[in-house]
C-alpha atoms as a PDB file:
ATOM      1  CA  MET A   1      13.171  13.997  17.839  1.00  0.00           C
ATOM      2  CA  GLN A   2      16.059  14.045  20.363  1.00  0.00           C
ATOM      3  CA  SER A   3      17.413  17.279  21.943  1.00  0.00           C
ATOM      4  CA  GLY A   4      20.620  16.727  20.244  1.00  0.00           C
ATOM      5  CA  ASP A   5      19.013  16.083  16.850  1.00  0.00           C
ATOM      6  CA  CYS A   6      17.014  19.702  17.162  1.00  0.00           C
ATOM      7  CA  VAL A   7      20.278  21.582  17.495  1.00  0.00           C
ATOM      8  CA  ALA A   8      21.883  19.713  14.242  1.00  0.00           C
ATOM      9  CA  SER A   9      18.643  20.561  12.650  1.00  0.00           C
ATOM     10  CA  ARG A  10      17.973  23.903  13.571  1.00  0.00           C
ATOM     11  CA  PRO A  11      20.061  25.531  10.512  1.00  0.00           C
ATOM     12  CA  GLU A  12      18.181  23.692   7.978  1.00  0.00           C
ATOM     13  CA  PHE A  13      14.922  24.766   9.601  1.00  0.00           C
ATOM     14  CA  ARG A  14      16.238  28.537   9.570  1.00  0.00           C
ATOM     15  CA  ALA A  15      17.215  27.865   6.098  1.00  0.00           C
ATOM     16  CA  VAL A  16      14.027  27.079   4.898  1.00  0.00           C
ATOM     17  CA  ALA A  17      12.017  29.624   7.072  1.00  0.00           C
ATOM     18  CA  GLU A  18      14.187  32.380   5.331  1.00  0.00           C
ATOM     19  CA  ARG A  19      13.581  31.183   1.628  1.00  0.00           C
ATOM     20  CA  GLU A  20      10.094  30.481   2.612  1.00  0.00           C
ATOM     21  CA  PRO A  21       9.077  32.992   5.611  1.00  0.00           C
ATOM     22  CA  LYS A  22       5.272  30.780   5.747  1.00  0.00           C
ATOM     23  CA  HIS A  23       6.857  27.618   5.328  1.00  0.00           C
ATOM     24  CA  LEU A  24       4.780  25.880   8.346  1.00  0.00           C
ATOM     25  CA  GLY A  25       6.811  23.018   8.765  1.00  0.00           C
ATOM     26  CA  ALA A  26      10.137  24.793   9.217  1.00  0.00           C
ATOM     27  CA  LEU A  27       8.587  27.526  11.520  1.00  0.00           C
ATOM     28  CA  PHE A  28       7.049  24.714  13.618  1.00  0.00           C
ATOM     29  CA  ASN A  29       9.993  22.688  14.068  1.00  0.00           C
ATOM     30  CA  LEU A  30      12.267  25.237  14.527  1.00  0.00           C
ATOM     31  CA  GLY A  31      10.106  26.933  17.373  1.00  0.00           C
ATOM     32  CA  ASN A  32      10.184  23.742  19.090  1.00  0.00           C
ATOM     33  CA  CYS A  33      13.537  22.725  18.476  1.00  0.00           C
ATOM     34  CA  LEU A  34      14.768  26.550  19.904  1.00  0.00           C
ATOM     35  CA  ASN A  35      12.608  25.730  22.950  1.00  0.00           C
ATOM     36  CA  ARG A  36      14.229  22.057  23.530  1.00  0.00           C
ATOM     37  CA  SER A  37      17.206  23.811  23.522  1.00  0.00           C
ATOM     38  CA  GLY A  38      16.850  26.223  25.751  1.00  0.00           C
ATOM     39  CA  GLU A  39      16.072  29.491  23.564  1.00  0.00           C
ATOM     40  CA  ARG A  40      12.756  30.108  24.667  1.00  0.00           C
ATOM     41  CA  ASP A  41      12.205  33.945  23.305  1.00  0.00           C
ATOM     42  CA  GLU A  42      13.820  33.069  19.593  1.00  0.00           C
ATOM     43  CA  GLY A  43      11.476  29.863  19.777  1.00  0.00           C
ATOM     44  CA  ALA A  44       8.223  31.878  20.890  1.00  0.00           C
ATOM     45  CA  ARG A  45       9.150  34.313  17.830  1.00  0.00           C
ATOM     46  CA  ALA A  46       9.237  31.129  15.438  1.00  0.00           C
ATOM     47  CA  LEU A  47       6.167  29.572  17.048  1.00  0.00           C
ATOM     48  CA  GLY A  48       4.360  32.903  16.571  1.00  0.00           C
ATOM     49  CA  GLN A  49       5.154  33.189  13.123  1.00  0.00           C
ATOM     50  CA  PHE A  50       3.775  29.600  12.830  1.00  0.00           C
ATOM     51  CA  GLN A  51       0.588  30.779  14.337  1.00  0.00           C
ATOM     52  CA  LYS A  52       0.333  33.678  12.241  1.00  0.00           C
ATOM     53  CA  ALA A  53       1.092  31.587   8.953  1.00  0.00           C
ATOM     54  CA  SER A  54      -1.094  29.210   9.882  1.00  0.00           C
ATOM     55  CA  GLN A  55      -3.913  31.295  10.243  1.00  0.00           C
ATOM     56  CA  ASP A  56      -3.274  33.128   7.040  1.00  0.00           C
ATOM     57  CA  GLU A  57      -3.142  29.803   5.228  1.00  0.00           C
ATOM     58  CA  ALA A  58      -6.454  28.769   6.885  1.00  0.00           C
ATOM     59  CA  ALA A  59      -8.192  31.904   5.772  1.00  0.00           C
ATOM     60  CA  ARG A  60      -6.596  31.573   1.999  1.00  0.00           C
ATOM     61  CA  VAL A  61      -8.232  27.880   1.773  1.00  0.00           C
ATOM     62  CA  GLY A  62     -11.333  29.311   3.433  1.00  0.00           C
ATOM     63  CA  ARG A  63     -11.630  32.056   0.854  1.00  0.00           C
ATOM     64  CA  LYS A  64     -10.731  29.498  -2.036  1.00  0.00           C
ATOM     65  CA  ARG A  65     -13.379  27.020  -0.787  1.00  0.00           C
ATOM     66  CA  ARG A  66     -15.993  29.824  -0.611  1.00  0.00           C
ATOM     67  CA  ALA A  67     -14.982  30.932  -4.061  1.00  0.00           C
ATOM     68  CA  TYR A  68     -15.334  27.297  -5.354  1.00  0.00           C
ATOM     69  CA  PHE A  69     -18.695  26.987  -3.922  1.00  0.00           C
ATOM     70  CA  LEU A  70     -19.614  30.170  -5.588  1.00  0.00           C
ATOM     71  CA  GLY A  71     -18.571  28.713  -8.767  1.00  0.00           C
ATOM     72  CA  LEU A  72     -20.950  25.873  -8.418  1.00  0.00           C
ATOM     73  CA  GLU A  73     -23.713  28.180  -7.439  1.00  0.00           C
ATOM     74  CA  ALA A  74     -23.474  30.333 -10.643  1.00  0.00           C
ATOM     75  CA  ASP A  75     -23.188  27.345 -12.891  1.00  0.00           C
ATOM     76  CA  ARG A  76     -26.380  26.319 -11.439  1.00  0.00           C
ATOM     77  CA  ARG A  77     -27.633  29.734 -12.023  1.00  0.00           C
ATOM     78  CA  LEU A  78     -26.660  29.460 -15.603  1.00  0.00           C
ATOM     79  CA  GLU A  79     -28.413  26.163 -16.000  1.00  0.00           C
ATOM     80  CA  SER A  80     -31.635  27.679 -14.909  1.00  0.00           C
ATOM     81  CA  GLY A  81     -31.380  30.668 -16.880  1.00  0.00           C
ATOM     82  CA  ASP A  82     -30.299  33.333 -14.314  1.00  0.00           C
ATOM     83  CA  SER A  83     -27.267  35.018 -15.787  1.00  0.00           C
ATOM     84  CA  ALA A  84     -28.074  38.167 -13.069  1.00  0.00           C
ATOM     85  CA  GLY A  85     -27.725  35.633 -10.468  1.00  0.00           C
ATOM     86  CA  ALA A  86     -24.621  33.859 -11.677  1.00  0.00           C
ATOM     87  CA  LEU A  87     -22.583  37.257 -12.542  1.00  0.00           C
ATOM     88  CA  LYS A  88     -23.520  37.946  -8.697  1.00  0.00           C
ATOM     89  CA  ALA A  89     -21.922  34.661  -7.521  1.00  0.00           C
ATOM     90  CA  MET A  90     -18.935  34.983  -9.905  1.00  0.00           C
ATOM     91  CA  GLN A  91     -18.332  38.768  -8.714  1.00  0.00           C
ATOM     92  CA  GLU A  92     -17.942  37.561  -5.412  1.00  0.00           C
ATOM     93  CA  ALA A  93     -15.894  34.115  -6.348  1.00  0.00           C
ATOM     94  CA  ILE A  94     -13.451  36.553  -8.054  1.00  0.00           C
ATOM     95  CA  THR A  95     -13.177  39.038  -5.337  1.00  0.00           C
ATOM     96  CA  LEU A  96     -12.126  35.988  -3.232  1.00  0.00           C
ATOM     97  CA  ASN A  97      -9.879  34.218  -5.324  1.00  0.00           C
ATOM     98  CA  PRO A  98      -8.812  36.732  -8.039  1.00  0.00           C
ATOM     99  CA  ASP A  99      -6.070  34.721  -9.428  1.00  0.00           C
ATOM    100  CA  ASP A 100      -8.287  31.882 -10.288  1.00  0.00           C
ATOM    101  CA  ALA A 101      -8.355  31.242 -14.075  1.00  0.00           C
ATOM    102  CA  GLY A 102     -11.457  28.783 -13.915  1.00  0.00           C
ATOM    103  CA  ALA A 103     -13.423  31.691 -12.075  1.00  0.00           C
ATOM    104  CA  HIS A 104     -12.511  34.005 -14.485  1.00  0.00           C
ATOM    105  CA  ALA A 105     -13.816  31.538 -17.504  1.00  0.00           C
ATOM    106  CA  MET A 106     -17.155  31.093 -15.804  1.00  0.00           C
ATOM    107  CA  MET A 107     -17.605  34.811 -15.155  1.00  0.00           C
ATOM    108  CA  ALA A 108     -17.119  35.092 -18.766  1.00  0.00           C
ATOM    109  CA  GLN A 109     -19.678  32.393 -19.592  1.00  0.00           C
ATOM    110  CA  ALA A 110     -22.244  34.415 -17.182  1.00  0.00           C
ATOM    111  CA  LEU A 111     -21.485  37.660 -19.162  1.00  0.00           C
ATOM    112  CA  GLU A 112     -21.581  35.924 -22.291  1.00  0.00           C
ATOM    113  CA  ALA A 113     -24.915  34.742 -21.119  1.00  0.00           C
ATOM    114  CA  ALA A 114     -26.217  38.314 -20.095  1.00  0.00           C
ATOM    115  CA  GLY A 115     -25.521  39.367 -23.466  1.00  0.00           C
ATOM    116  CA  ASP A 116     -22.402  41.565 -22.388  1.00  0.00           C
ATOM    117  CA  ILE A 117     -19.881  40.509 -24.897  1.00  0.00           C
ATOM    118  CA  PRO A 118     -17.038  42.949 -24.838  1.00  0.00           C
ATOM    119  CA  ARG A 119     -16.653  42.221 -21.079  1.00  0.00           C
ATOM    120  CA  ALA A 120     -16.917  38.383 -21.537  1.00  0.00           C
ATOM    121  CA  LEU A 121     -14.003  38.427 -23.852  1.00  0.00           C
ATOM    122  CA  ASP A 122     -12.014  40.478 -21.539  1.00  0.00           C
ATOM    123  CA  SER A 123     -13.062  37.658 -18.790  1.00  0.00           C
ATOM    124  CA  TYR A 124     -11.624  35.036 -21.389  1.00  0.00           C
ATOM    125  CA  ARG A 125      -8.582  36.664 -21.623  1.00  0.00           C
ATOM    126  CA  LYS A 126      -8.109  36.802 -17.892  1.00  0.00           C
ATOM    127  CA  ALA A 127      -8.618  33.092 -17.643  1.00  0.00           C
ATOM    128  CA  ALA A 128      -6.394  32.377 -20.628  1.00  0.00           C
END
């Protein structure tokens, strides 16, 4: 991108970053364009926001990935008749990714296998 392109693009990058404060592309490009056009302090702030948002996103993906594998572990444990082990795995998975409907459904299956029907129904409701 040419320096002139950066000057022309900054308003769009700013608008996106204001609408979505963790938009990685907008923050990165805004920071770089500001640096290229000599606005180093503001560029450093935008790139600092980019770095923080990148770290937050990496942590979110890491939690989601760990929760996914815990779900697989819980499924394996349910298949082998270990409902207590499945419950433990799913409790951790839901702690890591509380908005995952699939995790709540798997928790319901583990609770049902353990004979805790009232809590299983509650987990099915959360999944729905």
